[in-house]
């Protein structure tokens, strides 16, 4: 049994907090896009569905690989969080650049 690493656990908590914050902003911008307030591409609705399967598959694959390598729980959690956080960060940046819709 490995010793728990409180610093790695804290880093995972920080990454999860950032991911949740970014995900909520992405949801808000996409809803405003559906309402015609935020500038989004016509493909945004399809994108928000299709991207989930690939990123969840990657997260579970990365976590499984970390487990197979015998890494501890903090490393397995970090491996699962990383692709999810990358996607939420990229979506938040991309959508934020588009801004409010100008009539």
C-alpha atoms as a PDB file:
ATOM      1  CA  UNK A   1       0.000   0.000   0.000  1.00  0.00           C
ATOM      2  CA  UNK A   2       1.357   3.386  -0.989  1.00  0.00           C
ATOM      3  CA  UNK A   3       1.359   6.319   1.366  1.00  0.00           C
ATOM      4  CA  UNK A   4      -1.155   8.991   0.519  1.00  0.00           C
ATOM      5  CA  UNK A   5       0.329  12.127  -0.991  1.00  0.00           C
ATOM      6  CA  UNK A   6      -1.635  15.130   0.315  1.00  0.00           C
ATOM      7  CA  UNK A   7       0.008  17.477  -2.198  1.00  0.00           C
ATOM      8  CA  UNK A   8      -1.025  15.313  -5.155  1.00  0.00           C
ATOM      9  CA  UNK A   9      -4.529  15.070  -3.730  1.00  0.00           C
ATOM     10  CA  UNK A  10      -4.642  18.859  -3.376  1.00  0.00           C
ATOM     11  CA  UNK A  11      -3.435  19.286  -6.964  1.00  0.00           C
ATOM     12  CA  UNK A  12      -6.206  16.953  -8.159  1.00  0.00           C
ATOM     13  CA  UNK A  13      -8.744  18.962  -6.173  1.00  0.00           C
ATOM     14  CA  UNK A  14      -7.494  22.189  -7.746  1.00  0.00           C
ATOM     15  CA  UNK A  15      -7.664  20.688 -11.252  1.00  0.00           C
ATOM     16  CA  UNK A  16     -11.205  19.446 -10.588  1.00  0.00           C
ATOM     17  CA  UNK A  17     -12.244  22.869  -9.315  1.00  0.00           C
ATOM     18  CA  UNK A  18     -10.841  24.564 -12.397  1.00  0.00           C
ATOM     19  CA  UNK A  19     -12.489  21.986 -14.648  1.00  0.00           C
ATOM     20  CA  UNK A  20     -15.868  22.493 -12.990  1.00  0.00           C
ATOM     21  CA  UNK A  21     -15.574  26.274 -13.296  1.00  0.00           C
ATOM     22  CA  UNK A  22     -14.618  26.044 -16.969  1.00  0.00           C
ATOM     23  CA  UNK A  23     -17.374  23.520 -17.687  1.00  0.00           C
ATOM     24  CA  UNK A  24     -19.984  25.815 -16.140  1.00  0.00           C
ATOM     25  CA  UNK A  25     -18.795  28.755 -18.216  1.00  0.00           C
ATOM     26  CA  UNK A  26     -18.918  26.580 -21.361  1.00  0.00           C
ATOM     27  CA  UNK A  27     -22.473  25.510 -20.526  1.00  0.00           C
ATOM     28  CA  UNK A  28     -23.478  29.146 -19.953  1.00  0.00           C
ATOM     29  CA  UNK A  29     -21.948  30.309 -23.249  1.00  0.00           C
ATOM     30  CA  UNK A  30     -23.555  27.447 -25.167  1.00  0.00           C
ATOM     31  CA  UNK A  31     -26.976  28.151 -23.652  1.00  0.00           C
ATOM     32  CA  UNK A  32     -26.585  31.840 -24.496  1.00  0.00           C
ATOM     33  CA  UNK A  33     -25.602  30.724 -28.002  1.00  0.00           C
ATOM     34  CA  UNK A  34     -28.806  28.715 -28.312  1.00  0.00           C
ATOM     35  CA  UNK A  35     -30.717  31.798 -27.153  1.00  0.00           C
ATOM     36  CA  UNK A  36     -29.014  33.937 -29.795  1.00  0.00           C
ATOM     37  CA  UNK A  37     -27.076  36.041 -27.264  1.00  0.00           C
ATOM     38  CA  UNK A  38     -23.587  34.511 -27.648  1.00  0.00           C
ATOM     39  CA  UNK A  39     -21.784  34.115 -30.943  1.00  0.00           C
ATOM     40  CA  UNK A  40     -21.407  30.381 -31.658  1.00  0.00           C
ATOM     41  CA  UNK A  41     -20.942  28.402 -34.842  1.00  0.00           C
ATOM     42  CA  UNK A  42     -23.847  26.405 -36.263  1.00  0.00           C
ATOM     43  CA  UNK A  43     -21.947  23.198 -35.459  1.00  0.00           C
ATOM     44  CA  UNK A  44     -21.701  23.970 -31.719  1.00  0.00           C
ATOM     45  CA  UNK A  45     -24.764  21.909 -30.734  1.00  0.00           C
ATOM     46  CA  UNK A  46     -23.450  18.810 -32.502  1.00  0.00           C
ATOM     47  CA  UNK A  47     -19.962  19.423 -31.138  1.00  0.00           C
ATOM     48  CA  UNK A  48     -21.093  19.475 -27.519  1.00  0.00           C
ATOM     49  CA  UNK A  49     -22.543  15.982 -27.935  1.00  0.00           C
ATOM     50  CA  UNK A  50     -19.846  14.369 -30.075  1.00  0.00           C
ATOM     51  CA  UNK A  51     -16.860  15.540 -28.027  1.00  0.00           C
ATOM     52  CA  UNK A  52     -18.009  13.859 -24.831  1.00  0.00           C
ATOM     53  CA  UNK A  53     -17.626  10.268 -25.995  1.00  0.00           C
ATOM     54  CA  UNK A  54     -14.052  10.714 -27.180  1.00  0.00           C
ATOM     55  CA  UNK A  55     -12.865  12.641 -24.123  1.00  0.00           C
ATOM     56  CA  UNK A  56     -14.484  10.253 -21.624  1.00  0.00           C
ATOM     57  CA  UNK A  57     -12.988   7.293 -23.492  1.00  0.00           C
ATOM     58  CA  UNK A  58      -9.551   8.913 -23.354  1.00  0.00           C
ATOM     59  CA  UNK A  59      -9.915   9.720 -19.645  1.00  0.00           C
ATOM     60  CA  UNK A  60     -10.867   6.158 -18.762  1.00  0.00           C
ATOM     61  CA  UNK A  61      -8.105   4.725 -20.959  1.00  0.00           C
ATOM     62  CA  UNK A  62      -5.481   6.974 -19.372  1.00  0.00           C
ATOM     63  CA  UNK A  63      -6.677   6.083 -15.865  1.00  0.00           C
ATOM     64  CA  UNK A  64      -6.646   2.378 -16.709  1.00  0.00           C
ATOM     65  CA  UNK A  65      -3.092   2.638 -18.039  1.00  0.00           C
ATOM     66  CA  UNK A  66      -2.008   4.356 -14.829  1.00  0.00           C
ATOM     67  CA  UNK A  67      -3.592   1.547 -12.784  1.00  0.00           C
ATOM     68  CA  UNK A  68      -1.931  -1.147 -14.897  1.00  0.00           C
ATOM     69  CA  UNK A  69       1.433   0.569 -14.348  1.00  0.00           C
ATOM     70  CA  UNK A  70       0.800   0.292 -10.605  1.00  0.00           C
ATOM     71  CA  UNK A  71       0.550   3.992  -9.962  1.00  0.00           C
ATOM     72  CA  UNK A  72      -1.147   5.234  -6.816  1.00  0.00           C
ATOM     73  CA  UNK A  73      -4.680   6.599  -6.526  1.00  0.00           C
ATOM     74  CA  UNK A  74      -3.591  10.226  -6.898  1.00  0.00           C
ATOM     75  CA  UNK A  75      -1.789   9.457 -10.175  1.00  0.00           C
ATOM     76  CA  UNK A  76      -4.745   7.458 -11.498  1.00  0.00           C
ATOM     77  CA  UNK A  77      -7.084  10.326 -10.628  1.00  0.00           C
ATOM     78  CA  UNK A  78      -4.751  12.853 -12.270  1.00  0.00           C
ATOM     79  CA  UNK A  79      -4.610  10.711 -15.419  1.00  0.00           C
ATOM     80  CA  UNK A  80      -8.406  10.676 -15.585  1.00  0.00           C
ATOM     81  CA  UNK A  81      -8.737  14.411 -14.958  1.00  0.00           C
ATOM     82  CA  UNK A  82      -6.130  15.563 -17.488  1.00  0.00           C
ATOM     83  CA  UNK A  83      -8.017  14.976 -20.783  1.00  0.00           C
ATOM     84  CA  UNK A  84     -11.261  16.272 -19.290  1.00  0.00           C
ATOM     85  CA  UNK A  85      -9.559  19.447 -18.094  1.00  0.00           C
ATOM     86  CA  UNK A  86      -7.835  19.915 -21.462  1.00  0.00           C
ATOM     87  CA  UNK A  87     -11.205  19.785 -23.214  1.00  0.00           C
ATOM     88  CA  UNK A  88     -12.987  22.139 -20.809  1.00  0.00           C
ATOM     89  CA  UNK A  89     -10.071  24.606 -20.945  1.00  0.00           C
ATOM     90  CA  UNK A  90     -10.005  24.546 -24.755  1.00  0.00           C
ATOM     91  CA  UNK A  91     -13.779  24.962 -25.019  1.00  0.00           C
ATOM     92  CA  UNK A  92     -13.840  27.839 -22.524  1.00  0.00           C
ATOM     93  CA  UNK A  93     -11.059  29.683 -24.364  1.00  0.00           C
ATOM     94  CA  UNK A  94     -12.595  29.074 -27.793  1.00  0.00           C
ATOM     95  CA  UNK A  95     -16.094  30.165 -26.822  1.00  0.00           C
ATOM     96  CA  UNK A  96     -14.943  33.149 -24.752  1.00  0.00           C
ATOM     97  CA  UNK A  97     -13.110  34.541 -27.797  1.00  0.00           C
ATOM     98  CA  UNK A  98     -16.351  34.571 -29.777  1.00  0.00           C
ATOM     99  CA  UNK A  99     -18.106  36.955 -27.388  1.00  0.00           C
ATOM    100  CA  UNK A 100     -21.575  38.415 -27.371  1.00  0.00           C
ATOM    101  CA  UNK A 101     -23.522  38.311 -30.605  1.00  0.00           C
ATOM    102  CA  UNK A 102     -23.638  41.645 -32.363  1.00  0.00           C
ATOM    103  CA  UNK A 103     -26.911  42.318 -34.149  1.00  0.00           C
END
